[in-house]
N, C-alpha and C. Protein backbone atom coordinates (compact mmCIF):
# COMPACT_ATOMS: atom_id res chain seq x y z
N MET A 1 12.78 35.73 -9.32
CA MET A 1 13.57 34.54 -9.00
C MET A 1 13.23 34.05 -7.61
N THR A 2 13.18 32.76 -7.46
CA THR A 2 12.93 32.11 -6.18
C THR A 2 14.21 31.41 -5.74
N THR A 3 14.51 31.47 -4.47
CA THR A 3 15.69 30.79 -3.94
C THR A 3 15.31 29.38 -3.49
N VAL A 4 16.06 28.41 -3.95
CA VAL A 4 15.92 27.02 -3.52
C VAL A 4 17.24 26.63 -2.86
N LYS A 5 17.18 26.30 -1.58
CA LYS A 5 18.39 25.89 -0.88
C LYS A 5 18.77 24.48 -1.30
N VAL A 6 20.07 24.27 -1.51
CA VAL A 6 20.59 22.99 -1.97
C VAL A 6 21.65 22.51 -0.99
N LYS A 7 21.50 21.27 -0.55
CA LYS A 7 22.49 20.65 0.32
C LYS A 7 23.24 19.59 -0.48
N LYS A 8 24.56 19.74 -0.55
CA LYS A 8 25.37 18.72 -1.20
C LYS A 8 25.56 17.56 -0.23
N LEU A 9 25.17 16.38 -0.66
CA LEU A 9 25.35 15.17 0.13
C LEU A 9 26.70 14.53 -0.16
N ARG A 10 27.28 14.93 -1.27
CA ARG A 10 28.62 14.49 -1.67
C ARG A 10 29.38 15.69 -2.18
N GLU A 11 30.64 15.76 -1.86
CA GLU A 11 31.46 16.90 -2.25
C GLU A 11 31.51 17.12 -3.75
N ASP A 12 31.48 16.01 -4.52
CA ASP A 12 31.60 16.12 -5.97
C ASP A 12 30.27 16.33 -6.69
N ALA A 13 29.17 16.50 -5.95
CA ALA A 13 27.87 16.75 -6.57
C ALA A 13 27.86 18.12 -7.23
N LYS A 14 27.13 18.22 -8.35
CA LYS A 14 27.02 19.49 -9.07
C LYS A 14 25.66 20.11 -8.79
N LEU A 15 25.65 21.41 -8.53
CA LEU A 15 24.39 22.12 -8.33
C LEU A 15 23.61 22.13 -9.63
N PRO A 16 22.26 22.11 -9.56
CA PRO A 16 21.47 22.24 -10.78
C PRO A 16 21.84 23.54 -11.49
N SER A 17 21.74 23.53 -12.82
CA SER A 17 22.06 24.75 -13.57
C SER A 17 21.15 24.87 -14.78
N TYR A 18 20.91 26.13 -15.16
CA TYR A 18 20.09 26.42 -16.33
C TYR A 18 21.00 26.57 -17.55
N GLY A 19 20.58 25.97 -18.67
CA GLY A 19 21.37 26.02 -19.90
C GLY A 19 21.35 27.39 -20.55
N THR A 20 20.26 28.12 -20.40
CA THR A 20 20.14 29.46 -20.96
C THR A 20 19.39 30.33 -19.96
N ALA A 21 19.41 31.63 -20.18
CA ALA A 21 18.75 32.58 -19.29
C ALA A 21 17.24 32.37 -19.24
N CYS A 22 16.65 31.84 -20.28
CA CYS A 22 15.19 31.67 -20.33
C CYS A 22 14.75 30.21 -20.17
N ALA A 23 15.67 29.32 -19.82
CA ALA A 23 15.33 27.90 -19.65
C ALA A 23 14.40 27.73 -18.44
N ALA A 24 13.36 26.95 -18.60
CA ALA A 24 12.42 26.67 -17.51
C ALA A 24 12.97 25.58 -16.59
N GLY A 25 13.70 24.62 -17.16
CA GLY A 25 14.22 23.50 -16.40
C GLY A 25 15.69 23.65 -16.09
N ALA A 26 16.06 23.32 -14.86
CA ALA A 26 17.47 23.30 -14.45
C ALA A 26 17.98 21.87 -14.55
N ASP A 27 19.14 21.70 -15.17
CA ASP A 27 19.71 20.37 -15.36
C ASP A 27 20.12 19.75 -14.04
N LEU A 28 19.85 18.45 -13.91
CA LEU A 28 20.29 17.64 -12.78
C LEU A 28 21.41 16.73 -13.30
N TYR A 29 22.46 16.59 -12.49
CA TYR A 29 23.66 15.86 -12.91
C TYR A 29 23.83 14.57 -12.13
N ALA A 30 24.29 13.53 -12.82
CA ALA A 30 24.60 12.26 -12.17
C ALA A 30 25.79 12.44 -11.23
N CYS A 31 25.67 11.86 -10.05
CA CYS A 31 26.76 11.86 -9.07
C CYS A 31 26.95 10.40 -8.66
N LEU A 32 27.88 9.73 -9.31
CA LEU A 32 28.00 8.28 -9.22
C LEU A 32 29.16 7.84 -8.34
N ASP A 33 28.98 6.67 -7.73
CA ASP A 33 30.06 6.05 -6.97
C ASP A 33 31.10 5.44 -7.90
N THR A 34 30.65 5.04 -9.08
CA THR A 34 31.54 4.45 -10.08
C THR A 34 31.64 5.43 -11.25
N GLN A 35 32.51 5.13 -12.19
CA GLN A 35 32.68 6.03 -13.34
C GLN A 35 31.42 6.12 -14.18
N ASN A 36 30.69 5.02 -14.35
CA ASN A 36 29.48 5.08 -15.16
C ASN A 36 28.52 3.96 -14.78
N ILE A 37 27.31 4.07 -15.30
CA ILE A 37 26.28 3.06 -15.08
C ILE A 37 25.83 2.56 -16.44
N ALA A 38 25.84 1.24 -16.63
CA ALA A 38 25.32 0.64 -17.85
C ALA A 38 23.81 0.46 -17.69
N VAL A 39 23.08 0.82 -18.74
CA VAL A 39 21.62 0.69 -18.72
C VAL A 39 21.21 -0.14 -19.94
N ALA A 40 20.79 -1.38 -19.68
CA ALA A 40 20.38 -2.28 -20.75
C ALA A 40 19.04 -1.83 -21.34
N PRO A 41 18.73 -2.22 -22.56
CA PRO A 41 17.42 -1.91 -23.14
C PRO A 41 16.30 -2.42 -22.22
N GLY A 42 15.33 -1.57 -21.97
CA GLY A 42 14.21 -1.94 -21.11
C GLY A 42 14.51 -1.88 -19.62
N GLU A 43 15.72 -1.54 -19.24
CA GLU A 43 16.10 -1.51 -17.83
C GLU A 43 15.89 -0.11 -17.23
N THR A 44 15.61 -0.09 -15.93
CA THR A 44 15.50 1.14 -15.17
C THR A 44 16.58 1.15 -14.11
N VAL A 45 17.28 2.27 -13.98
CA VAL A 45 18.32 2.43 -12.97
C VAL A 45 18.03 3.67 -12.15
N PHE A 46 18.55 3.70 -10.93
CA PHE A 46 18.41 4.87 -10.07
C PHE A 46 19.71 5.66 -10.13
N VAL A 47 19.62 6.89 -10.60
CA VAL A 47 20.80 7.74 -10.77
C VAL A 47 20.81 8.79 -9.65
N HIS A 48 21.82 8.72 -8.82
CA HIS A 48 21.95 9.67 -7.71
C HIS A 48 22.44 11.02 -8.22
N THR A 49 21.98 12.09 -7.57
CA THR A 49 22.46 13.43 -7.89
C THR A 49 23.38 13.96 -6.79
N GLY A 50 23.35 13.33 -5.61
CA GLY A 50 24.16 13.81 -4.50
C GLY A 50 23.65 15.09 -3.88
N LEU A 51 22.38 15.44 -4.15
CA LEU A 51 21.79 16.68 -3.67
C LEU A 51 20.46 16.45 -2.97
N SER A 52 20.17 17.28 -2.00
CA SER A 52 18.81 17.39 -1.47
C SER A 52 18.43 18.86 -1.53
N LEU A 53 17.14 19.12 -1.65
CA LEU A 53 16.65 20.48 -1.87
C LEU A 53 15.68 20.90 -0.77
N GLU A 54 15.62 22.19 -0.53
CA GLU A 54 14.58 22.77 0.31
C GLU A 54 13.72 23.64 -0.61
N ILE A 55 12.68 23.00 -1.15
CA ILE A 55 11.78 23.69 -2.08
C ILE A 55 10.81 24.52 -1.25
N PRO A 56 10.65 25.79 -1.58
CA PRO A 56 9.74 26.64 -0.81
C PRO A 56 8.30 26.11 -0.81
N ASP A 57 7.61 26.30 0.32
CA ASP A 57 6.19 25.91 0.40
C ASP A 57 5.42 26.58 -0.73
N GLY A 58 4.47 25.84 -1.28
CA GLY A 58 3.66 26.36 -2.37
C GLY A 58 4.22 26.03 -3.75
N LEU A 59 5.44 25.47 -3.77
CA LEU A 59 6.05 25.05 -5.03
C LEU A 59 6.27 23.54 -5.00
N VAL A 60 6.36 22.97 -6.18
CA VAL A 60 6.72 21.56 -6.35
C VAL A 60 7.83 21.51 -7.38
N GLY A 61 8.75 20.59 -7.22
CA GLY A 61 9.79 20.35 -8.23
C GLY A 61 9.35 19.20 -9.11
N LEU A 62 9.24 19.44 -10.40
CA LEU A 62 8.84 18.39 -11.34
C LEU A 62 10.07 17.98 -12.15
N VAL A 63 10.40 16.69 -12.11
CA VAL A 63 11.59 16.17 -12.78
C VAL A 63 11.17 15.58 -14.12
N TYR A 64 11.67 16.20 -15.18
CA TYR A 64 11.34 15.81 -16.55
C TYR A 64 12.57 15.26 -17.26
N ALA A 65 12.31 14.62 -18.40
CA ALA A 65 13.39 14.14 -19.27
C ALA A 65 14.12 15.34 -19.88
N ARG A 66 15.38 15.15 -20.18
CA ARG A 66 16.11 16.10 -21.02
C ARG A 66 15.80 15.69 -22.45
N SER A 67 15.38 16.61 -23.27
CA SER A 67 14.89 16.26 -24.61
C SER A 67 15.94 15.52 -25.45
N GLY A 68 17.18 15.97 -25.42
CA GLY A 68 18.22 15.30 -26.21
C GLY A 68 18.49 13.89 -25.74
N LEU A 69 18.55 13.70 -24.43
CA LEU A 69 18.80 12.37 -23.86
C LEU A 69 17.67 11.41 -24.21
N ALA A 70 16.44 11.92 -24.14
CA ALA A 70 15.28 11.07 -24.42
C ALA A 70 15.15 10.77 -25.91
N SER A 71 15.29 11.78 -26.75
CA SER A 71 15.06 11.56 -28.18
C SER A 71 16.24 10.92 -28.91
N LYS A 72 17.44 11.18 -28.47
CA LYS A 72 18.62 10.63 -29.16
C LYS A 72 19.09 9.30 -28.58
N ARG A 73 18.87 9.09 -27.26
CA ARG A 73 19.40 7.89 -26.62
C ARG A 73 18.33 7.04 -25.94
N GLY A 74 17.09 7.52 -25.91
CA GLY A 74 16.00 6.74 -25.34
C GLY A 74 15.98 6.70 -23.83
N LEU A 75 16.70 7.61 -23.15
CA LEU A 75 16.77 7.62 -21.69
C LEU A 75 15.87 8.72 -21.13
N ALA A 76 14.90 8.31 -20.31
CA ALA A 76 13.94 9.26 -19.74
C ALA A 76 13.47 8.73 -18.38
N PRO A 77 12.99 9.62 -17.52
CA PRO A 77 12.50 9.15 -16.22
C PRO A 77 11.45 8.05 -16.38
N ALA A 78 11.60 7.00 -15.61
CA ALA A 78 10.70 5.85 -15.70
C ALA A 78 9.28 6.22 -15.32
N ASN A 79 9.13 7.17 -14.39
CA ASN A 79 7.79 7.57 -13.95
C ASN A 79 7.26 8.75 -14.76
N LYS A 80 7.91 9.04 -15.88
CA LYS A 80 7.56 10.12 -16.82
C LYS A 80 7.81 11.49 -16.24
N VAL A 81 7.19 11.81 -15.10
CA VAL A 81 7.45 13.07 -14.40
C VAL A 81 7.59 12.75 -12.92
N GLY A 82 8.75 13.06 -12.38
CA GLY A 82 8.96 12.87 -10.95
C GLY A 82 8.42 14.07 -10.19
N VAL A 83 7.83 13.82 -9.04
CA VAL A 83 7.26 14.88 -8.21
C VAL A 83 8.08 14.99 -6.93
N VAL A 84 8.67 16.17 -6.69
CA VAL A 84 9.45 16.41 -5.48
C VAL A 84 8.66 17.44 -4.66
N ASP A 85 8.04 16.97 -3.58
CA ASP A 85 7.23 17.83 -2.73
C ASP A 85 8.11 18.74 -1.88
N SER A 86 7.54 19.86 -1.46
CA SER A 86 8.31 20.85 -0.70
C SER A 86 8.73 20.35 0.68
N ASP A 87 8.07 19.31 1.20
CA ASP A 87 8.45 18.80 2.52
C ASP A 87 9.45 17.64 2.44
N TYR A 88 9.87 17.25 1.23
CA TYR A 88 10.84 16.17 1.06
C TYR A 88 12.26 16.72 1.23
N ARG A 89 13.05 16.06 2.04
CA ARG A 89 14.42 16.50 2.28
C ARG A 89 15.46 15.44 1.95
N GLY A 90 15.04 14.37 1.30
CA GLY A 90 15.98 13.32 0.92
C GLY A 90 16.70 13.65 -0.37
N GLU A 91 17.57 12.74 -0.77
CA GLU A 91 18.34 12.93 -2.00
C GLU A 91 17.43 12.89 -3.22
N ILE A 92 17.74 13.74 -4.18
CA ILE A 92 17.05 13.70 -5.47
C ILE A 92 17.69 12.57 -6.27
N ILE A 93 16.89 11.56 -6.57
CA ILE A 93 17.34 10.40 -7.34
C ILE A 93 16.46 10.30 -8.57
N VAL A 94 17.08 10.18 -9.73
CA VAL A 94 16.33 10.08 -10.98
C VAL A 94 16.20 8.61 -11.36
N SER A 95 14.97 8.16 -11.50
CA SER A 95 14.69 6.80 -11.96
C SER A 95 14.70 6.84 -13.49
N LEU A 96 15.81 6.41 -14.09
CA LEU A 96 16.02 6.56 -15.53
C LEU A 96 15.79 5.23 -16.25
N HIS A 97 14.95 5.27 -17.28
CA HIS A 97 14.60 4.05 -18.04
C HIS A 97 15.17 4.14 -19.45
N ASN A 98 15.68 3.01 -19.93
CA ASN A 98 16.20 2.93 -21.30
C ASN A 98 15.10 2.40 -22.21
N HIS A 99 14.49 3.30 -22.99
CA HIS A 99 13.42 2.94 -23.92
C HIS A 99 13.98 2.48 -25.27
N SER A 100 15.29 2.57 -25.46
CA SER A 100 15.88 2.23 -26.75
C SER A 100 16.14 0.72 -26.85
N LEU A 101 16.61 0.31 -28.01
CA LEU A 101 16.96 -1.09 -28.23
C LEU A 101 18.46 -1.34 -28.04
N SER A 102 19.19 -0.29 -27.65
CA SER A 102 20.64 -0.39 -27.48
C SER A 102 21.03 -0.11 -26.03
N PRO A 103 22.08 -0.79 -25.56
CA PRO A 103 22.60 -0.46 -24.22
C PRO A 103 23.08 0.99 -24.19
N GLN A 104 22.89 1.65 -23.07
CA GLN A 104 23.32 3.04 -22.90
C GLN A 104 24.20 3.12 -21.67
N THR A 105 25.01 4.17 -21.59
CA THR A 105 25.88 4.37 -20.45
C THR A 105 25.68 5.78 -19.90
N ILE A 106 25.50 5.86 -18.58
CA ILE A 106 25.42 7.15 -17.90
C ILE A 106 26.77 7.39 -17.24
N GLU A 107 27.36 8.55 -17.52
CA GLU A 107 28.66 8.88 -16.96
C GLU A 107 28.51 9.82 -15.77
N ASP A 108 29.45 9.74 -14.86
CA ASP A 108 29.48 10.64 -13.71
C ASP A 108 29.53 12.08 -14.21
N GLY A 109 28.67 12.93 -13.66
CA GLY A 109 28.64 14.34 -14.06
C GLY A 109 27.77 14.63 -15.26
N GLU A 110 27.19 13.61 -15.87
CA GLU A 110 26.33 13.80 -17.04
C GLU A 110 24.98 14.38 -16.63
N ARG A 111 24.41 15.22 -17.47
CA ARG A 111 23.06 15.76 -17.25
C ARG A 111 22.05 14.65 -17.53
N VAL A 112 21.23 14.29 -16.53
CA VAL A 112 20.34 13.15 -16.67
C VAL A 112 18.86 13.49 -16.66
N ALA A 113 18.51 14.69 -16.22
CA ALA A 113 17.11 15.11 -16.17
C ALA A 113 17.10 16.61 -15.94
N GLN A 114 15.91 17.18 -15.89
CA GLN A 114 15.77 18.60 -15.57
C GLN A 114 14.63 18.76 -14.58
N ILE A 115 14.78 19.76 -13.70
CA ILE A 115 13.76 20.02 -12.70
C ILE A 115 13.15 21.39 -12.95
N VAL A 116 11.83 21.44 -12.91
CA VAL A 116 11.06 22.67 -13.10
C VAL A 116 10.30 22.92 -11.81
N PHE A 117 10.37 24.13 -11.31
CA PHE A 117 9.64 24.50 -10.10
C PHE A 117 8.38 25.24 -10.50
N THR A 118 7.26 24.82 -9.94
CA THR A 118 5.99 25.44 -10.30
C THR A 118 5.05 25.47 -9.09
N PRO A 119 4.18 26.48 -9.02
CA PRO A 119 3.20 26.50 -7.94
C PRO A 119 2.15 25.41 -8.15
N TYR A 120 1.51 25.03 -7.08
CA TYR A 120 0.43 24.05 -7.18
C TYR A 120 -0.72 24.50 -6.29
N VAL A 121 -1.86 23.90 -6.53
CA VAL A 121 -3.05 24.18 -5.72
C VAL A 121 -3.45 22.88 -5.05
N ALA A 122 -3.56 22.89 -3.72
CA ALA A 122 -4.04 21.72 -2.99
C ALA A 122 -5.57 21.77 -2.99
N ALA A 123 -6.19 20.64 -3.30
CA ALA A 123 -7.64 20.58 -3.41
C ALA A 123 -8.27 20.04 -2.13
N VAL A 124 -9.50 20.46 -1.90
CA VAL A 124 -10.34 19.87 -0.87
C VAL A 124 -11.35 19.01 -1.63
N PHE A 125 -11.43 17.73 -1.30
CA PHE A 125 -12.30 16.81 -2.03
C PHE A 125 -13.64 16.71 -1.32
N GLU A 126 -14.69 16.95 -2.08
CA GLU A 126 -16.05 16.93 -1.55
C GLU A 126 -16.86 15.90 -2.32
N GLU A 127 -17.32 14.89 -1.62
CA GLU A 127 -18.12 13.85 -2.28
C GLU A 127 -19.49 14.40 -2.66
N THR A 128 -19.97 13.99 -3.84
CA THR A 128 -21.27 14.43 -4.33
C THR A 128 -21.90 13.33 -5.17
N ASP A 129 -23.20 13.42 -5.36
CA ASP A 129 -23.91 12.47 -6.23
C ASP A 129 -24.05 13.02 -7.64
N ARG A 130 -23.81 14.31 -7.84
CA ARG A 130 -23.99 14.95 -9.14
C ARG A 130 -22.81 15.85 -9.46
N LEU A 131 -22.47 15.88 -10.74
CA LEU A 131 -21.45 16.79 -11.23
C LEU A 131 -22.10 17.71 -12.26
N GLY A 132 -21.55 18.89 -12.43
CA GLY A 132 -22.07 19.83 -13.41
C GLY A 132 -21.96 19.27 -14.82
N GLN A 133 -22.89 19.66 -15.68
CA GLN A 133 -22.92 19.20 -17.08
C GLN A 133 -21.98 20.02 -17.94
N THR A 134 -21.36 19.37 -18.94
CA THR A 134 -20.53 20.05 -19.93
C THR A 134 -20.90 19.51 -21.31
N SER A 135 -20.47 20.19 -22.36
CA SER A 135 -20.75 19.69 -23.71
C SER A 135 -19.98 18.41 -24.00
N ARG A 136 -18.85 18.19 -23.35
CA ARG A 136 -18.07 16.98 -23.54
C ARG A 136 -18.67 15.80 -22.78
N GLY A 137 -19.18 16.06 -21.60
CA GLY A 137 -19.77 14.99 -20.80
C GLY A 137 -18.77 13.92 -20.43
N GLU A 138 -19.09 12.66 -20.71
CA GLU A 138 -18.24 11.54 -20.35
C GLU A 138 -17.33 11.09 -21.48
N GLY A 139 -17.22 11.89 -22.54
CA GLY A 139 -16.35 11.54 -23.66
C GLY A 139 -14.91 11.40 -23.20
N GLY A 140 -14.32 10.25 -23.42
CA GLY A 140 -12.97 9.95 -22.93
C GLY A 140 -11.90 10.04 -24.01
N PHE A 141 -10.99 9.10 -23.97
CA PHE A 141 -9.82 9.08 -24.83
C PHE A 141 -10.18 9.33 -26.30
N GLY A 142 -9.64 10.38 -26.87
CA GLY A 142 -9.84 10.67 -28.28
C GLY A 142 -11.18 11.25 -28.63
N SER A 143 -12.04 11.50 -27.65
CA SER A 143 -13.40 11.95 -27.96
C SER A 143 -13.46 13.37 -28.51
N THR A 144 -12.50 14.22 -28.17
CA THR A 144 -12.58 15.60 -28.64
C THR A 144 -12.13 15.72 -30.10
N GLY A 145 -11.45 14.70 -30.64
CA GLY A 145 -11.02 14.73 -32.03
C GLY A 145 -11.94 13.94 -32.93
N ALA A 146 -12.93 13.24 -32.36
CA ALA A 146 -13.85 12.41 -33.13
C ALA A 146 -14.77 13.27 -33.96
N LYS A 147 -15.13 12.78 -35.17
CA LYS A 147 -16.04 13.51 -36.06
C LYS A 147 -17.31 12.75 -36.23
């Protein structure tokens, strides 16, 4: 287990929590100034969590959709996967998009996304005129399934 320090920016903010002992993602909860937020079809809203995190160096927090919210109500992060770097100390805000054809409502305290902590590797970029050859080569979108 890794310790992630959490600062509540609002007294009523809820700490992230895991739904089960083996869950990879910890739920993030809406912390709203009003009772709820209306999200029209095709609209994106910013949902505050009222929390900031101190993610340990060498880890990144990746903010993903909650499967039930995305598949049943069409609500998922607008940027698909949010990236929270270890040096960021601001509030965690979920950019939530309504992909459905129906208006949706986000309620205060509702689970709106999940955060997964994972190690990353920082790359050193070296310019070159040649790249190593592979059997795939320059085959792009759908090329590995082509017959």
